[in-house]
Protein backbone atom coordinates (compact mmCIF):
# COMPACT_ATOMS: atom_id res chain seq x y z
CA MET A 1 -9.10 320.89 124.00
CA LEU A 2 -11.88 318.42 124.45
CA ILE A 3 -10.48 316.27 121.65
CA ILE A 4 -7.18 316.04 123.58
CA GLY A 5 -8.94 315.36 126.87
CA ILE A 6 -11.05 312.41 125.08
CA VAL A 7 -8.04 310.85 123.45
CA LEU A 8 -5.91 311.09 126.84
CA PHE A 9 -8.97 309.50 128.57
CA GLY A 10 -9.14 306.73 125.99
CA MET A 11 -5.44 306.08 126.18
CA LEU A 12 -5.48 305.66 129.95
CA ILE A 13 -8.53 303.40 129.85
CA GLY A 14 -6.79 301.31 127.10
CA ALA A 15 -3.54 301.15 129.17
CA GLY A 16 -5.44 300.17 132.36
CA ALA A 17 -7.20 297.19 130.12
CA GLN A 18 -3.88 295.94 129.10
CA LEU A 19 -2.63 296.11 132.77
CA ILE A 20 -5.79 294.19 133.80
CA LEU A 21 -5.43 291.72 131.27
CA GLY A 22 -1.71 291.14 132.17
CA ARG A 23 -0.15 292.64 129.09
CA GLY A 24 1.60 295.34 131.10
CA ALA A 25 4.64 293.00 132.07
CA LYS A 26 5.61 293.13 128.17
CA GLY A 27 4.97 296.83 128.05
CA ILE A 28 2.04 298.74 126.97
CA ASP A 29 1.15 298.96 123.21
CA TRP A 30 0.08 302.65 123.01
CA GLY A 31 -1.45 302.11 119.70
CA VAL A 32 -3.83 299.45 120.70
CA ALA A 33 -4.26 301.33 124.13
CA ILE A 34 -5.74 304.32 122.14
CA VAL A 35 -7.85 302.48 119.93
CA ALA A 36 -9.25 300.16 122.47
CA GLY A 37 -9.66 302.99 125.00
CA LEU A 38 -11.64 305.11 122.43
CA VAL A 39 -13.77 302.45 120.90
CA GLY A 40 -14.21 300.79 124.35
CA SER A 41 -15.00 304.06 126.07
CA PHE A 42 -17.63 304.88 123.43
CA VAL A 43 -19.40 301.54 123.03
CA GLY A 44 -18.97 300.35 126.67
CA GLY A 45 -19.56 303.73 128.39
CA LEU A 46 -22.36 304.65 126.20
CA LEU A 47 -24.27 301.42 126.58
CA ILE A 48 -23.75 301.19 130.27
CA SER A 49 -24.77 304.84 130.81
CA LEU A 50 -27.90 304.48 128.73
CA LEU A 51 -28.97 301.18 130.57
CA ALA A 52 -28.14 302.59 133.83
CA GLY A 53 -30.48 305.66 133.06
CA ASP A 54 -27.68 308.22 133.48
CA GLY A 55 -28.19 309.53 129.92
CA LEU A 56 -24.87 310.92 128.32
CA ASP A 57 -23.49 312.64 131.59
CA PHE A 58 -20.17 311.87 132.98
CA ARG A 59 -21.13 309.30 135.65
CA PRO A 60 -19.23 306.23 137.35
CA SER A 61 -21.33 303.83 135.40
CA GLY A 62 -19.88 305.31 132.32
CA ILE A 63 -16.45 305.05 133.50
CA ILE A 64 -17.07 301.34 134.56
CA GLY A 65 -18.45 300.70 131.07
CA SER A 66 -15.50 302.31 129.44
CA ILE A 67 -13.24 299.90 131.56
CA VAL A 68 -15.36 296.88 130.51
CA GLY A 69 -15.56 297.91 126.95
CA ALA A 70 -11.69 298.53 126.63
CA ILE A 71 -10.98 295.04 128.43
CA LEU A 72 -13.24 293.39 125.82
CA ILE A 73 -11.78 295.26 122.69
CA THR A 74 -8.11 294.45 124.02
CA ALA A 75 -9.00 290.95 124.75
CA GLY A 76 -10.55 290.49 121.37
CA TRP A 77 -7.38 292.00 119.69
CA MET A 78 -4.89 289.85 121.76
CA TRP A 79 -6.95 286.70 120.74
CA PHE A 80 -7.10 287.72 117.01
CA LYS A 81 -3.25 288.65 116.98
CA GLY A 82 -2.50 285.39 118.72
CA ARG A 83 -4.53 283.30 116.47
CA SER A 84 -3.15 284.91 113.09
CA THR A 85 0.45 284.43 114.43
CA THR A 86 0.14 280.69 115.17
CA THR A 87 -1.37 279.57 111.89
């Protein structure tokens, strides 16, 4: 049950990152949303939570870090995908 919750949370964070970056007008790429959400949540959420001194508890700093991490992963993927299709 925990795994399903983590995947759904990552998917929502990844979809939110795409909406923030303006990708939502074209539709949400759910594959990228899941990967960006999970990787961004792990890296961004973990780093921000540890830097803020919250530990590994579920805190607002971890949620903010998850969103920032997912935005960075999504932006990097969009940049890489745009770069590879133009050359």
